[in-house]
Each structure stands twice: as structure tokens, then as C-alpha cells.
Amino acid sequence: MLRTILVALDDSPYTETSTSLAIEWAKRFDAQLWGLGLLDTVSIARPQPVSIGGASYRQGRDAAMIANTQGLVQDVIAKFREQCSAADVKAEVFEDIGDPAANILRVAHRCDVVMLGRQTHFHLEREDPDGTVGIVLRGCPRPITVVPPELPAGEGVMVAYSGGREVAHALQTFHLLGLDRGETVHVVGVDREGWQVGELAHLACEYLKSHGVHVEFHELASKSSPAEVILEQVQKLRPRMMVMGTHGYHPLRELFTTSVTRNVLRSCPVPVFVGG
């Protein structure tokens, strides 16, 4: 059962959405929230070429940027505390200094799930899923819920079942945490030439049914890209969230940077529970 949720905090609009979903889960499961404020001194102090006599200017500029960023982090932490207090949810907040991805990966060892915005501002600018999110996905010891800019008003959960071990583990973890409790789970299996997943997706349905989960099975055959099919089904089924593995469909298990997961996360309008 879900007991601890780590929310990675930055000054992007996604942090408020991530916090809202984390609060919803905390109230639903009586779970503990941890807010992680991150001061990225690594990016600020990254070595760069400077002109003769420019070193002292650079040191002063870096010190000013660190002080300003530390102020932003404190503001983000204060807002997180206010949201949790208003919802009557207990939360602990702490701050780490250094590379954001490395800090998230370290602290993740103490929680059940990590809540992270689809875009992050840890490096003082907007990052897409190729940045911190991609690094965390590749190395996180816990499942991650990647949150879009707004939370949908849908119903149920959609599982993009590719037949690989990553999504099988993600689905099992999702169930063991209790996140499918009271939900209709739509298991979507997409058969493509040379890669038949329907039978495995059907077995995944049987697994959920054996635990009393209400399941609906959707077996599709398509020549479109897996990411396109998945996103089309999200629009059709309108779930409140989706479950998938870190790689998605591909017989060679390609890396995140060229995978189905990356393409889905760029556009998915619902939170995505990713494990693998």
C-alpha cells in the first residue's frame, strides 16, 4: 500500500499540479508527503571560458545567482507547505544542494513513488523530458509519476501493455501500492507486425482479475507508431491516469531517449505512472 510520496519541487507550473496529485493520493491512502527543494549550484557554477580579468566578475555573478535561486527555492517550499496545510495533509520538507537528478535518485530510495512534473525548471530554464526527467527515469529505484500541466477529470486507469517485463513490473507495482483500488483498469495491447502482445496483455488482465480489479481489455492491431496508438486511446478512453513501462514497445529494448516512453510523455494529457 502507498505510504510515502516524494514531490520534487521547482518554480515551474508543474510543481503545483504535482503537489495537487500528491495531496489527493496522501488523503486517499493516509500517506506521508515529502517535498524536496533543490538548489542547483552545479549548473550555476559550471566552468565557462572567461576573458582576462573576468574571473572575479564571474565569481560575483555566480554568488548572486545562487543567492537568488536559493530565494526561489524557499518560495517554492513555502508554497508547498501552504498547499499541504490547506488540505490538512502532513508533509515534511527538506532541501538539497547540487545536481537535481542525482539528488532525486538518491532520496527516491526512501519513498514508494516519486512525483515529478513533465517539464522542470531545476536548471533555471525550462527542460523537456530529455533533461532531468529522462535521467531520473533511466536510473530511479522507484516508480515515477510524470505529471502534465493540468489534472484531467477522467475516470479509470489505462495500461499501455507492451508485453515487456518493464510494463509487467510497473503494473504489479501500481497494483501493490493500491492505486487501482476502486478503479476500472483498461488494459490496451497493440499488435504490430512481428510483435504480438495480445496474449500477454490478456494474461495481465487475468492477473488483475485474480486480485478483484475490474478490468476491460482492448486489443488493437495497428501499423501506426505505438506512441500514436497509445495517445489516441488516451483521448478515446479519457482515463484519469496511465501506466506504462520505461521502454514501451520495441523488441530491442531501446533507450529512453529514442523510446516510446519519451514520445508519449511529451504529449500525454494525463499523469503517467512509469516503472520498469
C-alpha atoms as a PDB file:
ATOM      1  CA  MET A   1       0.000   0.000   0.000  1.00  0.00           C
ATOM      2  CA  LEU A   2       1.149   3.528  -0.770  1.00  0.00           C
ATOM      3  CA  ARG A   3       2.751   5.118   2.290  1.00  0.00           C
ATOM      4  CA  THR A   4       5.318   7.707   1.125  1.00  0.00           C
ATOM      5  CA  ILE A   5       5.357  10.143  -1.806  1.00  0.00           C
ATOM      6  CA  LEU A   6       8.320  12.298  -2.821  1.00  0.00           C
ATOM      7  CA  VAL A   7       7.473  15.519  -4.669  1.00  0.00           C
ATOM      8  CA  ALA A   8      10.364  17.193  -6.499  1.00  0.00           C
ATOM      9  CA  LEU A   9       9.835  20.953  -6.144  1.00  0.00           C
ATOM     10  CA  ASP A  10      10.823  23.705  -8.559  1.00  0.00           C
ATOM     11  CA  ASP A  11       9.347  27.040  -9.663  1.00  0.00           C
ATOM     12  CA  SER A  12       7.552  25.630 -12.737  1.00  0.00           C
ATOM     13  CA  PRO A  13       3.723  25.478 -13.003  1.00  0.00           C
ATOM     14  CA  TYR A  14       4.052  21.690 -12.974  1.00  0.00           C
ATOM     15  CA  THR A  15       5.036  21.677  -9.305  1.00  0.00           C
ATOM     16  CA  GLU A  16       1.602  22.928  -8.260  1.00  0.00           C
ATOM     17  CA  THR A  17      -0.058  20.158 -10.317  1.00  0.00           C
ATOM     18  CA  SER A  18       2.318  17.525  -8.929  1.00  0.00           C
ATOM     19  CA  THR A  19       1.579  18.732  -5.414  1.00  0.00           C
ATOM     20  CA  SER A  20      -2.182  18.603  -6.016  1.00  0.00           C
ATOM     21  CA  LEU A  21      -1.999  14.985  -7.195  1.00  0.00           C
ATOM     22  CA  ALA A  22       0.314  14.046  -4.330  1.00  0.00           C
ATOM     23  CA  ILE A  23      -2.116  15.599  -1.835  1.00  0.00           C
ATOM     24  CA  GLU A  24      -5.001  13.680  -3.416  1.00  0.00           C
ATOM     25  CA  TRP A  25      -3.091  10.403  -3.002  1.00  0.00           C
ATOM     26  CA  ALA A  26      -1.940  11.312   0.515  1.00  0.00           C
ATOM     27  CA  LYS A  27      -5.531  11.865   1.636  1.00  0.00           C
ATOM     28  CA  ARG A  28      -6.733   8.741  -0.152  1.00  0.00           C
ATOM     29  CA  PHE A  29      -4.100   6.446   1.355  1.00  0.00           C
ATOM     30  CA  ASP A  30      -3.138   8.336   4.507  1.00  0.00           C
ATOM     31  CA  ALA A  31       0.348   8.609   3.018  1.00  0.00           C
ATOM     32  CA  GLN A  32       3.283  10.800   4.057  1.00  0.00           C
ATOM     33  CA  LEU A  33       4.379  13.610   1.723  1.00  0.00           C
ATOM     34  CA  TRP A  34       7.984  14.700   1.352  1.00  0.00           C
ATOM     35  CA  GLY A  35       8.780  17.874  -0.552  1.00  0.00           C
ATOM     36  CA  LEU A  36      12.298  18.099  -1.966  1.00  0.00           C
ATOM     37  CA  GLY A  37      13.539  21.614  -2.709  1.00  0.00           C
ATOM     38  CA  LEU A  38      16.584  21.609  -4.977  1.00  0.00           C
ATOM     39  CA  LEU A  39      19.267  24.287  -5.257  1.00  0.00           C
ATOM     40  CA  ASP A  40      21.169  23.537  -8.466  1.00  0.00           C
ATOM     41  CA  THR A  41      24.606  25.007  -7.751  1.00  0.00           C
ATOM     42  CA  VAL A  42      26.152  22.667 -10.356  1.00  0.00           C
ATOM     43  CA  SER A  43      24.594  24.452 -13.340  1.00  0.00           C
ATOM     44  CA  ILE A  44      25.229  27.907 -11.928  1.00  0.00           C
ATOM     45  CA  ALA A  45      28.912  27.290 -11.234  1.00  0.00           C
ATOM     46  CA  ARG A  46      29.600  25.220 -14.358  1.00  0.00           C
ATOM     47  CA  PRO A  47      33.050  26.180 -15.777  1.00  0.00           C
ATOM     48  CA  GLN A  48      32.885  28.518 -18.778  1.00  0.00           C
ATOM     49  CA  PRO A  49      35.525  30.438 -20.724  1.00  0.00           C
ATOM     50  CA  VAL A  50      36.068  33.949 -19.356  1.00  0.00           C
ATOM     51  CA  SER A  51      38.080  36.895 -20.598  1.00  0.00           C
ATOM     52  CA  ILE A  52      41.232  38.089 -18.868  1.00  0.00           C
ATOM     53  CA  GLY A  53      40.205  39.668 -15.585  1.00  0.00           C
ATOM     54  CA  GLY A  54      36.716  38.202 -15.877  1.00  0.00           C
ATOM     55  CA  ALA A  55      37.149  35.537 -13.205  1.00  0.00           C
ATOM     56  CA  SER A  56      36.289  37.851 -10.318  1.00  0.00           C
ATOM     57  CA  TYR A  57      33.212  39.121 -12.165  1.00  0.00           C
ATOM     58  CA  ARG A  58      32.126  35.535 -12.795  1.00  0.00           C
ATOM     59  CA  GLN A  59      32.530  34.662  -9.103  1.00  0.00           C
ATOM     60  CA  GLY A  60      30.391  37.606  -8.073  1.00  0.00           C
ATOM     61  CA  ARG A  61      27.752  36.808 -10.663  1.00  0.00           C
ATOM     62  CA  ASP A  62      27.623  33.143  -9.573  1.00  0.00           C
ATOM     63  CA  ALA A  63      27.248  34.137  -5.923  1.00  0.00           C
ATOM     64  CA  ALA A  64      24.370  36.473  -6.805  1.00  0.00           C
ATOM     65  CA  MET A  65      22.653  33.791  -8.903  1.00  0.00           C
ATOM     66  CA  ILE A  66      22.990  31.208  -6.125  1.00  0.00           C
ATOM     67  CA  ALA A  67      21.502  33.639  -3.597  1.00  0.00           C
ATOM     68  CA  ASN A  68      18.631  34.461  -5.960  1.00  0.00           C
ATOM     69  CA  THR A  69      17.979  30.791  -6.717  1.00  0.00           C
ATOM     70  CA  GLN A  70      18.041  29.922  -3.031  1.00  0.00           C
ATOM     71  CA  GLY A  71      15.332  32.534  -2.528  1.00  0.00           C
ATOM     72  CA  LEU A  72      13.246  30.920  -5.292  1.00  0.00           C
ATOM     73  CA  VAL A  73      13.659  27.501  -3.671  1.00  0.00           C
ATOM     74  CA  GLN A  74      12.486  28.858  -0.330  1.00  0.00           C
ATOM     75  CA  ASP A  75       9.442  30.402  -2.026  1.00  0.00           C
ATOM     76  CA  VAL A  76       8.612  27.069  -3.687  1.00  0.00           C
ATOM     77  CA  ILE A  77       8.986  25.222  -0.381  1.00  0.00           C
ATOM     78  CA  ALA A  78       6.747  27.752   1.375  1.00  0.00           C
ATOM     79  CA  LYS A  79       4.056  27.333  -1.309  1.00  0.00           C
ATOM     80  CA  PHE A  80       4.236  23.546  -0.967  1.00  0.00           C
ATOM     81  CA  ARG A  81       3.771  23.842   2.787  1.00  0.00           C
ATOM     82  CA  GLU A  82       0.789  26.158   2.284  1.00  0.00           C
ATOM     83  CA  GLN A  83      -0.905  23.734  -0.143  1.00  0.00           C
ATOM     84  CA  CYS A  84      -0.417  20.806   2.224  1.00  0.00           C
ATOM     85  CA  SER A  85      -1.585  22.788   5.247  1.00  0.00           C
ATOM     86  CA  ALA A  86      -4.700  23.996   3.429  1.00  0.00           C
ATOM     87  CA  ALA A  87      -5.525  20.388   2.557  1.00  0.00           C
ATOM     88  CA  ASP A  88      -4.814  19.244   6.122  1.00  0.00           C
ATOM     89  CA  VAL A  89      -2.092  16.905   4.895  1.00  0.00           C
ATOM     90  CA  LYS A  90       1.066  16.417   6.926  1.00  0.00           C
ATOM     91  CA  ALA A  91       4.278  16.917   4.965  1.00  0.00           C
ATOM     92  CA  GLU A  92       7.977  17.137   5.621  1.00  0.00           C
ATOM     93  CA  VAL A  93      10.151  19.458   3.557  1.00  0.00           C
ATOM     94  CA  PHE A  94      13.891  19.404   3.064  1.00  0.00           C
ATOM     95  CA  GLU A  95      16.407  20.983   0.730  1.00  0.00           C
ATOM     96  CA  ASP A  96      19.345  19.527  -1.160  1.00  0.00           C
ATOM     97  CA  ILE A  97      22.201  21.289  -2.911  1.00  0.00           C
ATOM     98  CA  GLY A  98      23.799  20.013  -6.106  1.00  0.00           C
ATOM     99  CA  ASP A  99      22.691  18.226  -9.254  1.00  0.00           C
ATOM    100  CA  PRO A 100      18.855  17.841  -9.161  1.00  0.00           C
ATOM    101  CA  ALA A 101      18.683  14.466 -10.919  1.00  0.00           C
ATOM    102  CA  ALA A 102      21.362  12.949  -8.672  1.00  0.00           C
ATOM    103  CA  ASN A 103      19.593  14.230  -5.547  1.00  0.00           C
ATOM    104  CA  ILE A 104      16.205  12.909  -6.655  1.00  0.00           C
ATOM    105  CA  LEU A 105      17.698   9.499  -7.444  1.00  0.00           C
ATOM    106  CA  ARG A 106      19.322   9.376  -4.006  1.00  0.00           C
ATOM    107  CA  VAL A 107      16.285  10.451  -1.981  1.00  0.00           C
ATOM    108  CA  ALA A 108      13.979   8.176  -4.009  1.00  0.00           C
ATOM    109  CA  HIS A 109      15.347   5.206  -2.061  1.00  0.00           C
ATOM    110  CA  ARG A 110      13.267   6.259   0.963  1.00  0.00           C
ATOM    111  CA  CYS A 111       9.864   6.562  -0.762  1.00  0.00           C
ATOM    112  CA  ASP A 112       7.225   4.498  -2.586  1.00  0.00           C
ATOM    113  CA  VAL A 113       6.822   6.776  -5.594  1.00  0.00           C
ATOM    114  CA  VAL A 114       8.348   9.973  -6.995  1.00  0.00           C
ATOM    115  CA  MET A 115       6.073  12.761  -8.287  1.00  0.00           C
ATOM    116  CA  LEU A 116       7.714  14.858 -11.000  1.00  0.00           C
ATOM    117  CA  GLY A 117       6.464  17.450 -13.480  1.00  0.00           C
ATOM    118  CA  ARG A 118       6.785  16.646 -17.178  1.00  0.00           C
ATOM    119  CA  GLN A 119       8.830  19.813 -17.566  1.00  0.00           C
ATOM    120  CA  THR A 120      11.193  21.041 -14.882  1.00  0.00           C
ATOM    121  CA  HIS A 121      12.964  24.315 -14.104  1.00  0.00           C
ATOM    122  CA  PHE A 122      15.754  22.962 -11.932  1.00  0.00           C
ATOM    123  CA  HIS A 123      18.454  24.391 -14.225  1.00  0.00           C
ATOM    124  CA  LEU A 124      16.959  27.923 -14.205  1.00  0.00           C
ATOM    125  CA  GLU A 125      15.227  27.271 -17.508  1.00  0.00           C
ATOM    126  CA  ARG A 126      12.530  25.013 -18.880  1.00  0.00           C
ATOM    127  CA  GLU A 127      13.570  21.432 -19.560  1.00  0.00           C
ATOM    128  CA  ASP A 128      11.679  18.919 -21.685  1.00  0.00           C
ATOM    129  CA  PRO A 129      11.557  15.171 -20.841  1.00  0.00           C
ATOM    130  CA  ASP A 130      15.078  14.750 -22.257  1.00  0.00           C
ATOM    131  CA  GLY A 131      16.512  16.597 -19.243  1.00  0.00           C
ATOM    132  CA  THR A 132      16.128  15.839 -15.559  1.00  0.00           C
ATOM    133  CA  VAL A 133      13.014  13.708 -16.116  1.00  0.00           C
ATOM    134  CA  GLY A 134      14.822  11.474 -18.597  1.00  0.00           C
ATOM    135  CA  ILE A 135      17.811  10.997 -16.301  1.00  0.00           C
ATOM    136  CA  VAL A 136      15.571  10.135 -13.354  1.00  0.00           C
ATOM    137  CA  LEU A 137      13.515   7.699 -15.428  1.00  0.00           C
ATOM    138  CA  ARG A 138      16.622   5.850 -16.538  1.00  0.00           C
ATOM    139  CA  GLY A 139      18.033   5.407 -13.046  1.00  0.00           C
ATOM    140  CA  CYS A 140      15.237   5.721 -10.487  1.00  0.00           C
ATOM    141  CA  PRO A 141      14.938   2.857  -7.971  1.00  0.00           C
ATOM    142  CA  ARG A 142      11.239   3.643  -7.536  1.00  0.00           C
ATOM    143  CA  PRO A 143       8.335   4.223  -9.928  1.00  0.00           C
ATOM    144  CA  ILE A 144       7.742   7.782 -11.088  1.00  0.00           C
ATOM    145  CA  THR A 145       4.502   9.588 -11.801  1.00  0.00           C
ATOM    146  CA  VAL A 146       5.115  12.181 -14.508  1.00  0.00           C
ATOM    147  CA  VAL A 147       2.511  14.926 -14.257  1.00  0.00           C
ATOM    148  CA  PRO A 148       1.129  17.147 -17.079  1.00  0.00           C
ATOM    149  CA  PRO A 149       0.349  20.865 -16.651  1.00  0.00           C
ATOM    150  CA  GLU A 150      -3.278  20.161 -15.668  1.00  0.00           C
ATOM    151  CA  LEU A 151      -5.006  17.214 -13.998  1.00  0.00           C
ATOM    152  CA  PRO A 152      -7.780  15.678 -16.128  1.00  0.00           C
ATOM    153  CA  ALA A 153     -11.292  14.954 -14.926  1.00  0.00           C
ATOM    154  CA  GLY A 154     -11.342  11.448 -16.427  1.00  0.00           C
ATOM    155  CA  GLU A 155     -12.213   8.104 -14.905  1.00  0.00           C
ATOM    156  CA  GLY A 156     -10.299   4.859 -14.557  1.00  0.00           C
ATOM    157  CA  VAL A 157      -6.748   3.891 -15.440  1.00  0.00           C
ATOM    158  CA  MET A 158      -5.282   2.942 -18.811  1.00  0.00           C
ATOM    159  CA  VAL A 159      -2.382   0.492 -19.034  1.00  0.00           C
ATOM    160  CA  ALA A 160      -0.296   0.588 -22.225  1.00  0.00           C
ATOM    161  CA  TYR A 161       0.683  -3.085 -22.174  1.00  0.00           C
ATOM    162  CA  SER A 162       3.607  -3.858 -24.464  1.00  0.00           C
ATOM    163  CA  GLY A 163       4.273  -7.345 -23.145  1.00  0.00           C
ATOM    164  CA  GLY A 164       7.739  -6.462 -21.858  1.00  0.00           C
ATOM    165  CA  ARG A 165       8.994  -7.031 -18.341  1.00  0.00           C
ATOM    166  CA  GLU A 166       9.132  -3.277 -17.657  1.00  0.00           C
ATOM    167  CA  VAL A 167       5.388  -2.733 -18.016  1.00  0.00           C
ATOM    168  CA  ALA A 168       4.669  -6.039 -16.225  1.00  0.00           C
ATOM    169  CA  HIS A 169       6.664  -4.800 -13.225  1.00  0.00           C
ATOM    170  CA  ALA A 170       5.053  -1.347 -13.450  1.00  0.00           C
ATOM    171  CA  LEU A 171       1.555  -2.835 -13.455  1.00  0.00           C
ATOM    172  CA  GLN A 172       2.319  -5.097 -10.498  1.00  0.00           C
ATOM    173  CA  THR A 173       3.811  -2.207  -8.512  1.00  0.00           C
ATOM    174  CA  PHE A 174       0.837   0.005  -9.355  1.00  0.00           C
ATOM    175  CA  HIS A 175      -1.480  -2.708  -8.033  1.00  0.00           C
ATOM    176  CA  LEU A 176       0.558  -3.491  -4.910  1.00  0.00           C
ATOM    177  CA  LEU A 177       0.565   0.209  -3.987  1.00  0.00           C
ATOM    178  CA  GLY A 178      -3.238   0.085  -4.137  1.00  0.00           C
ATOM    179  CA  LEU A 179      -3.504   2.704  -6.879  1.00  0.00           C
ATOM    180  CA  ASP A 180      -6.004   0.615  -8.861  1.00  0.00           C
ATOM    181  CA  ARG A 181      -8.369   0.322  -5.895  1.00  0.00           C
ATOM    182  CA  GLY A 182     -11.918   1.204  -6.920  1.00  0.00           C
ATOM    183  CA  GLU A 183     -10.810   1.927 -10.494  1.00  0.00           C
ATOM    184  CA  THR A 184     -11.721   0.414 -13.844  1.00  0.00           C
ATOM    185  CA  VAL A 185      -8.427  -0.588 -15.454  1.00  0.00           C
ATOM    186  CA  HIS A 186      -8.310  -0.503 -19.254  1.00  0.00           C
ATOM    187  CA  VAL A 187      -5.523  -2.774 -20.494  1.00  0.00           C
ATOM    188  CA  VAL A 188      -4.567  -1.808 -24.043  1.00  0.00           C
ATOM    189  CA  GLY A 189      -2.478  -4.254 -26.091  1.00  0.00           C
ATOM    190  CA  VAL A 190      -1.285  -3.194 -29.541  1.00  0.00           C
ATOM    191  CA  ASP A 191      -0.291  -5.905 -32.012  1.00  0.00           C
ATOM    192  CA  ARG A 192       2.131  -4.880 -34.730  1.00  0.00           C
ATOM    193  CA  GLU A 193       3.880  -6.871 -37.396  1.00  0.00           C
ATOM    194  CA  GLY A 194       6.384  -9.211 -35.750  1.00  0.00           C
ATOM    195  CA  TRP A 195       5.359  -8.238 -32.227  1.00  0.00           C
ATOM    196  CA  GLN A 196       2.157  -9.837 -30.928  1.00  0.00           C
ATOM    197  CA  VAL A 197       1.248  -8.693 -27.419  1.00  0.00           C
ATOM    198  CA  GLY A 198      -2.463  -9.536 -27.252  1.00  0.00           C
ATOM    199  CA  GLU A 199      -1.997 -12.856 -25.456  1.00  0.00           C
ATOM    200  CA  LEU A 200       0.364 -11.362 -22.873  1.00  0.00           C
ATOM    201  CA  ALA A 201      -1.961  -8.404 -22.302  1.00  0.00           C
ATOM    202  CA  HIS A 202      -4.832 -10.851 -21.788  1.00  0.00           C
ATOM    203  CA  LEU A 203      -2.776 -12.685 -19.149  1.00  0.00           C
ATOM    204  CA  ALA A 204      -2.111  -9.346 -17.433  1.00  0.00           C
ATOM    205  CA  CYS A 205      -5.883  -8.864 -17.291  1.00  0.00           C
ATOM    206  CA  GLU A 206      -6.244 -12.250 -15.640  1.00  0.00           C
ATOM    207  CA  TYR A 207      -3.640 -11.228 -13.057  1.00  0.00           C
ATOM    208  CA  LEU A 208      -5.638  -8.127 -12.145  1.00  0.00           C
ATOM    209  CA  LYS A 209      -8.936 -10.030 -12.059  1.00  0.00           C
ATOM    210  CA  SER A 210      -7.452 -12.532  -9.636  1.00  0.00           C
ATOM    211  CA  HIS A 211      -6.987  -9.603  -7.248  1.00  0.00           C
ATOM    212  CA  GLY A 212     -10.551  -8.382  -7.661  1.00  0.00           C
ATOM    213  CA  VAL A 213      -9.762  -5.500 -10.028  1.00  0.00           C
ATOM    214  CA  HIS A 214     -12.394  -4.510 -12.582  1.00  0.00           C
ATOM    215  CA  VAL A 215     -10.688  -4.841 -15.958  1.00  0.00           C
ATOM    216  CA  GLU A 216     -11.579  -4.035 -19.560  1.00  0.00           C
ATOM    217  CA  PHE A 217      -9.333  -5.454 -22.295  1.00  0.00           C
ATOM    218  CA  HIS A 218      -8.697  -3.570 -25.541  1.00  0.00           C
ATOM    219  CA  GLU A 219      -6.762  -5.495 -28.195  1.00  0.00           C
ATOM    220  CA  LEU A 220      -5.751  -3.382 -31.162  1.00  0.00           C
ATOM    221  CA  ALA A 221      -3.946  -4.022 -34.421  1.00  0.00           C
ATOM    222  CA  SER A 222      -2.267  -1.015 -35.963  1.00  0.00           C
ATOM    223  CA  LYS A 223       0.504  -0.031 -38.339  1.00  0.00           C
ATOM    224  CA  SER A 224       0.808   3.366 -36.699  1.00  0.00           C
ATOM    225  CA  SER A 225       3.622   4.066 -34.276  1.00  0.00           C
ATOM    226  CA  PRO A 226       2.988   2.715 -30.759  1.00  0.00           C
ATOM    227  CA  ALA A 227       3.123   6.218 -29.277  1.00  0.00           C
ATOM    228  CA  GLU A 228       0.431   7.437 -31.678  1.00  0.00           C
ATOM    229  CA  VAL A 229      -1.821   4.495 -30.844  1.00  0.00           C
ATOM    230  CA  ILE A 230      -1.355   4.985 -27.107  1.00  0.00           C
ATOM    231  CA  LEU A 231      -2.147   8.704 -27.254  1.00  0.00           C
ATOM    232  CA  GLU A 232      -5.210   8.025 -29.439  1.00  0.00           C
ATOM    233  CA  GLN A 233      -6.502   5.562 -26.838  1.00  0.00           C
ATOM    234  CA  VAL A 234      -5.941   8.083 -24.051  1.00  0.00           C
ATOM    235  CA  GLN A 235      -8.125  10.550 -25.957  1.00  0.00           C
ATOM    236  CA  LYS A 236     -10.761   7.869 -26.559  1.00  0.00           C
ATOM    237  CA  LEU A 237     -10.896   6.297 -23.078  1.00  0.00           C
ATOM    238  CA  ARG A 238     -10.247   9.516 -21.109  1.00  0.00           C
ATOM    239  CA  PRO A 239      -8.661   7.871 -18.054  1.00  0.00           C
ATOM    240  CA  ARG A 240      -7.530   9.824 -15.011  1.00  0.00           C
ATOM    241  CA  MET A 241      -4.033   8.385 -15.463  1.00  0.00           C
ATOM    242  CA  MET A 242      -1.946   5.883 -17.416  1.00  0.00           C
ATOM    243  CA  VAL A 243       0.540   3.117 -16.556  1.00  0.00           C
ATOM    244  CA  MET A 244       3.452   2.120 -18.778  1.00  0.00           C
ATOM    245  CA  GLY A 245       6.975   0.711 -18.618  1.00  0.00           C
ATOM    246  CA  THR A 246      10.130   2.699 -19.147  1.00  0.00           C
ATOM    247  CA  HIS A 247      10.655   1.407 -22.667  1.00  0.00           C
ATOM    248  CA  GLY A 248       7.273   0.539 -24.147  1.00  0.00           C
ATOM    249  CA  TYR A 249       7.090  -1.450 -27.363  1.00  0.00           C
ATOM    250  CA  HIS A 250      10.328  -2.305 -29.036  1.00  0.00           C
ATOM    251  CA  PRO A 251      11.885  -5.769 -29.471  1.00  0.00           C
ATOM    252  CA  LEU A 252      15.391  -4.362 -28.987  1.00  0.00           C
ATOM    253  CA  ARG A 253      14.528  -2.506 -25.742  1.00  0.00           C
ATOM    254  CA  GLU A 254      15.938   0.794 -26.970  1.00  0.00           C
ATOM    255  CA  LEU A 255      16.991   3.510 -24.535  1.00  0.00           C
ATOM    256  CA  PHE A 256      14.635   6.139 -23.180  1.00  0.00           C
ATOM    257  CA  THR A 257      15.996   8.889 -25.422  1.00  0.00           C
ATOM    258  CA  THR A 258      14.609   7.144 -28.538  1.00  0.00           C
ATOM    259  CA  SER A 259      11.762   5.190 -26.956  1.00  0.00           C
ATOM    260  CA  VAL A 260       8.005   5.176 -26.992  1.00  0.00           C
ATOM    261  CA  THR A 261       8.014   6.451 -23.411  1.00  0.00           C
ATOM    262  CA  ARG A 262       9.714   9.697 -24.409  1.00  0.00           C
ATOM    263  CA  ASN A 263       7.215  10.382 -27.202  1.00  0.00           C
ATOM    264  CA  VAL A 264       4.214   9.603 -25.019  1.00  0.00           C
ATOM    265  CA  LEU A 265       5.418  11.803 -22.148  1.00  0.00           C
ATOM    266  CA  ARG A 266       5.831  14.793 -24.452  1.00  0.00           C
ATOM    267  CA  SER A 267       2.115  14.908 -25.233  1.00  0.00           C
ATOM    268  CA  CYS A 268       0.141  12.760 -22.791  1.00  0.00           C
ATOM    269  CA  PRO A 269      -2.647  14.832 -21.192  1.00  0.00           C
ATOM    270  CA  VAL A 270      -2.886  12.599 -18.089  1.00  0.00           C
ATOM    271  CA  PRO A 271      -0.392  11.666 -15.356  1.00  0.00           C
ATOM    272  CA  VAL A 272       1.775   8.697 -16.346  1.00  0.00           C
ATOM    273  CA  PHE A 273       2.883   6.135 -13.767  1.00  0.00           C
ATOM    274  CA  VAL A 274       6.193   4.852 -15.125  1.00  0.00           C
ATOM    275  CA  GLY A 275       8.068   1.871 -13.746  1.00  0.00           C
ATOM    276  CA  GLY A 276      10.462  -0.704 -15.059  1.00  0.00           C
END
